[in-house]
Amino acid sequence: MGTFRADDGKFVDGRAVIDDVEKRIPEGVVLPAQKDESTPGGGYLMRGSWSAIPKFLGAFTGLLIADVALFFLLTGVLWKTDGSWGAVGAAWRATKGTATRVIVVVLAAAALLGAFVAAPVLGVTLKG
């Protein structure tokens, strides 16, 4: 149990408790935490440098999934054929030189670059 003080100093809770702390924290140590409004009665969550990374990875993974879905939608490969991998490959080859290919490649590159570069950088920079 300790004191939670908001960054702006407007809110203070002298009986704050953070669960899942494995060791006793000496008095006076400042911990990066934030009030958790999602739990009944409130609570506090530790903010770590890496805690935001899964959220960014989820967002960029969603972008990659949406990109694949967009490819299937724009090419119509699922309802024009039996949906085999050969049909998907033929649909991909058919997009050579088209705007569809450019859109799909740019979105896939953005999703992959985001997942492997931007997510870690943003996760560490924004700290939770």
C-alpha atoms as a PDB file:
ATOM      1  CA  MET A   1       0.000   0.000   0.000  1.00  0.00           C
ATOM      2  CA  GLY A   2       1.226   3.495  -0.787  1.00  0.00           C
ATOM      3  CA  THR A   3       0.296   6.864  -2.136  1.00  0.00           C
ATOM      4  CA  PHE A   4      -0.791   7.442  -5.706  1.00  0.00           C
ATOM      5  CA  ARG A   5      -0.342  10.997  -6.889  1.00  0.00           C
ATOM      6  CA  ALA A   6      -1.409  12.051 -10.375  1.00  0.00           C
ATOM      7  CA  ASP A   7       1.193  13.799 -12.526  1.00  0.00           C
ATOM      8  CA  ASP A   8      -0.760  17.045 -12.329  1.00  0.00           C
ATOM      9  CA  GLY A   9      -1.054  16.752  -8.515  1.00  0.00           C
ATOM     10  CA  LYS A  10      -4.853  17.150  -8.583  1.00  0.00           C
ATOM     11  CA  PHE A  11      -5.614  13.614  -7.437  1.00  0.00           C
ATOM     12  CA  VAL A  12      -4.032  11.829  -4.464  1.00  0.00           C
ATOM     13  CA  ASP A  13      -4.937   8.405  -3.070  1.00  0.00           C
ATOM     14  CA  GLY A  14      -3.146   7.560   0.177  1.00  0.00           C
ATOM     15  CA  ARG A  15      -4.299   3.939   0.160  1.00  0.00           C
ATOM     16  CA  ALA A  16      -3.283   2.863  -3.342  1.00  0.00           C
ATOM     17  CA  VAL A  17      -2.493  -0.794  -3.892  1.00  0.00           C
ATOM     18  CA  ILE A  18      -0.746  -2.333  -6.890  1.00  0.00           C
ATOM     19  CA  ASP A  19      -1.172  -6.093  -7.269  1.00  0.00           C
ATOM     20  CA  ASP A  20       1.340  -8.383  -8.935  1.00  0.00           C
ATOM     21  CA  VAL A  21       4.399  -6.634  -7.532  1.00  0.00           C
ATOM     22  CA  GLU A  22       6.806  -9.468  -6.770  1.00  0.00           C
ATOM     23  CA  LYS A  23       8.967  -7.735  -4.183  1.00  0.00           C
ATOM     24  CA  ARG A  24       8.525  -5.123  -1.506  1.00  0.00           C
ATOM     25  CA  ILE A  25       9.186  -1.617  -2.793  1.00  0.00           C
ATOM     26  CA  PRO A  26      11.022   0.682  -0.355  1.00  0.00           C
ATOM     27  CA  GLU A  27       9.120   3.755   0.829  1.00  0.00           C
ATOM     28  CA  GLY A  28       9.688   6.852  -1.274  1.00  0.00           C
ATOM     29  CA  VAL A  29      10.331   5.023  -4.561  1.00  0.00           C
ATOM     30  CA  VAL A  30       8.369   6.530  -7.439  1.00  0.00           C
ATOM     31  CA  LEU A  31       6.719   3.935  -9.660  1.00  0.00           C
ATOM     32  CA  PRO A  32       5.221   4.591 -13.073  1.00  0.00           C
ATOM     33  CA  ALA A  33       1.549   3.714 -12.597  1.00  0.00           C
ATOM     34  CA  GLN A  34      -1.811   4.819 -13.872  1.00  0.00           C
ATOM     35  CA  LYS A  35      -5.322   4.658 -12.472  1.00  0.00           C
ATOM     36  CA  ASP A  36      -7.301   1.773 -13.942  1.00  0.00           C
ATOM     37  CA  GLU A  37     -10.903   2.823 -14.500  1.00  0.00           C
ATOM     38  CA  SER A  38     -11.837  -0.567 -15.986  1.00  0.00           C
ATOM     39  CA  THR A  39     -11.853  -2.448 -12.666  1.00  0.00           C
ATOM     40  CA  PRO A  40     -14.676  -2.093 -10.128  1.00  0.00           C
ATOM     41  CA  GLY A  41     -13.640   0.370  -7.439  1.00  0.00           C
ATOM     42  CA  GLY A  42     -10.693   1.490  -9.524  1.00  0.00           C
ATOM     43  CA  GLY A  43      -7.172   0.268  -9.120  1.00  0.00           C
ATOM     44  CA  TYR A  44      -3.718   1.010 -10.405  1.00  0.00           C
ATOM     45  CA  LEU A  45      -1.639  -0.536 -13.130  1.00  0.00           C
ATOM     46  CA  MET A  46       2.109  -0.490 -13.447  1.00  0.00           C
ATOM     47  CA  ARG A  47       3.294   1.180 -16.604  1.00  0.00           C
ATOM     48  CA  GLY A  48       6.424  -0.336 -18.025  1.00  0.00           C
ATOM     49  CA  SER A  49       8.468   0.585 -21.016  1.00  0.00           C
ATOM     50  CA  TRP A  50       7.371  -2.516 -22.848  1.00  0.00           C
ATOM     51  CA  SER A  51       3.713  -2.689 -21.805  1.00  0.00           C
ATOM     52  CA  ALA A  52       2.358  -0.811 -24.834  1.00  0.00           C
ATOM     53  CA  ILE A  53       4.122  -2.996 -27.403  1.00  0.00           C
ATOM     54  CA  PRO A  54       1.443  -5.746 -27.515  1.00  0.00           C
ATOM     55  CA  LYS A  55      -1.217  -3.111 -28.244  1.00  0.00           C
ATOM     56  CA  PHE A  56       0.772  -1.729 -31.155  1.00  0.00           C
ATOM     57  CA  LEU A  57       1.573  -5.240 -32.403  1.00  0.00           C
ATOM     58  CA  GLY A  58      -2.136  -6.032 -32.308  1.00  0.00           C
ATOM     59  CA  ALA A  59      -2.949  -2.936 -34.321  1.00  0.00           C
ATOM     60  CA  PHE A  60      -0.328  -3.659 -36.978  1.00  0.00           C
ATOM     61  CA  THR A  61      -1.364  -7.328 -37.126  1.00  0.00           C
ATOM     62  CA  GLY A  62      -4.924  -6.146 -37.683  1.00  0.00           C
ATOM     63  CA  LEU A  63      -3.685  -3.952 -40.521  1.00  0.00           C
ATOM     64  CA  LEU A  64      -1.948  -6.932 -42.126  1.00  0.00           C
ATOM     65  CA  ILE A  65      -5.088  -9.074 -41.819  1.00  0.00           C
ATOM     66  CA  ALA A  66      -7.173  -6.255 -43.296  1.00  0.00           C
ATOM     67  CA  ASP A  67      -4.668  -6.003 -46.154  1.00  0.00           C
ATOM     68  CA  VAL A  68      -5.039  -9.698 -46.984  1.00  0.00           C
ATOM     69  CA  ALA A  69      -8.834  -9.360 -46.792  1.00  0.00           C
ATOM     70  CA  LEU A  70      -8.659  -6.335 -49.095  1.00  0.00           C
ATOM     71  CA  PHE A  71      -6.622  -8.349 -51.612  1.00  0.00           C
ATOM     72  CA  PHE A  72      -9.266 -11.103 -51.612  1.00  0.00           C
ATOM     73  CA  LEU A  73     -12.031  -8.525 -51.925  1.00  0.00           C
ATOM     74  CA  LEU A  74     -10.418  -6.560 -54.756  1.00  0.00           C
ATOM     75  CA  THR A  75      -9.447  -9.642 -56.765  1.00  0.00           C
ATOM     76  CA  GLY A  76     -12.577 -11.650 -55.975  1.00  0.00           C
ATOM     77  CA  VAL A  77     -10.443 -14.778 -55.813  1.00  0.00           C
ATOM     78  CA  LEU A  78     -12.599 -16.530 -53.220  1.00  0.00           C
ATOM     79  CA  TRP A  79     -15.887 -16.405 -55.107  1.00  0.00           C
ATOM     80  CA  LYS A  80     -14.461 -16.682 -58.629  1.00  0.00           C
ATOM     81  CA  THR A  81     -12.547 -19.903 -57.968  1.00  0.00           C
ATOM     82  CA  ASP A  82     -12.364 -22.810 -55.549  1.00  0.00           C
ATOM     83  CA  GLY A  83     -10.152 -20.761 -53.209  1.00  0.00           C
ATOM     84  CA  SER A  84      -7.084 -22.948 -53.671  1.00  0.00           C
ATOM     85  CA  TRP A  85      -3.575 -21.597 -53.190  1.00  0.00           C
ATOM     86  CA  GLY A  86      -3.021 -21.930 -56.919  1.00  0.00           C
ATOM     87  CA  ALA A  87      -5.975 -19.621 -57.554  1.00  0.00           C
ATOM     88  CA  VAL A  88      -4.625 -17.126 -55.015  1.00  0.00           C
ATOM     89  CA  GLY A  89      -1.232 -17.187 -56.760  1.00  0.00           C
ATOM     90  CA  ALA A  90      -2.881 -16.663 -60.148  1.00  0.00           C
ATOM     91  CA  ALA A  91      -4.872 -13.734 -58.736  1.00  0.00           C
ATOM     92  CA  TRP A  92      -1.665 -12.228 -57.357  1.00  0.00           C
ATOM     93  CA  ARG A  93       0.110 -12.575 -60.715  1.00  0.00           C
ATOM     94  CA  ALA A  94      -2.908 -10.970 -62.409  1.00  0.00           C
ATOM     95  CA  THR A  95      -2.478  -7.824 -60.305  1.00  0.00           C
ATOM     96  CA  LYS A  96       0.986  -7.091 -61.739  1.00  0.00           C
ATOM     97  CA  GLY A  97       1.161  -3.448 -62.753  1.00  0.00           C
ATOM     98  CA  THR A  98      -2.206  -2.535 -61.263  1.00  0.00           C
ATOM     99  CA  ALA A  99      -3.254  -0.231 -58.446  1.00  0.00           C
ATOM    100  CA  THR A 100      -4.407  -3.289 -56.504  1.00  0.00           C
ATOM    101  CA  ARG A 101      -0.848  -4.612 -56.333  1.00  0.00           C
ATOM    102  CA  VAL A 102       0.485  -1.224 -55.221  1.00  0.00           C
ATOM    103  CA  ILE A 103      -2.146  -0.855 -52.493  1.00  0.00           C
ATOM    104  CA  VAL A 104      -1.652  -4.383 -51.152  1.00  0.00           C
ATOM    105  CA  VAL A 105       2.156  -4.131 -51.150  1.00  0.00           C
ATOM    106  CA  VAL A 106       2.205  -0.680 -49.524  1.00  0.00           C
ATOM    107  CA  LEU A 107      -0.232  -1.729 -46.784  1.00  0.00           C
ATOM    108  CA  ALA A 108       1.670  -4.967 -46.135  1.00  0.00           C
ATOM    109  CA  ALA A 109       4.959  -3.062 -45.943  1.00  0.00           C
ATOM    110  CA  ALA A 110       3.429  -0.543 -43.542  1.00  0.00           C
ATOM    111  CA  ALA A 111       2.040  -3.334 -41.344  1.00  0.00           C
ATOM    112  CA  LEU A 112       5.323  -5.254 -41.239  1.00  0.00           C
ATOM    113  CA  LEU A 113       7.444  -2.154 -40.705  1.00  0.00           C
ATOM    114  CA  GLY A 114       5.030  -1.070 -37.996  1.00  0.00           C
ATOM    115  CA  ALA A 115       5.129  -4.440 -36.251  1.00  0.00           C
ATOM    116  CA  PHE A 116       8.904  -4.855 -36.292  1.00  0.00           C
ATOM    117  CA  VAL A 117      10.090  -1.246 -36.012  1.00  0.00           C
ATOM    118  CA  ALA A 118       7.368   1.187 -34.971  1.00  0.00           C
ATOM    119  CA  ALA A 119       5.731  -1.002 -32.281  1.00  0.00           C
ATOM    120  CA  PRO A 120       8.910  -1.400 -30.191  1.00  0.00           C
ATOM    121  CA  VAL A 121       9.898   2.231 -30.663  1.00  0.00           C
ATOM    122  CA  LEU A 122       6.429   3.542 -29.780  1.00  0.00           C
ATOM    123  CA  GLY A 123       6.065   1.075 -26.910  1.00  0.00           C
ATOM    124  CA  VAL A 124       9.278   2.244 -25.255  1.00  0.00           C
ATOM    125  CA  THR A 125       8.716   5.916 -26.058  1.00  0.00           C
ATOM    126  CA  LEU A 126       5.105   6.139 -24.875  1.00  0.00           C
ATOM    127  CA  LYS A 127       5.561   3.892 -21.802  1.00  0.00           C
ATOM    128  CA  GLY A 128       2.249   2.141 -21.489  1.00  0.00           C
END
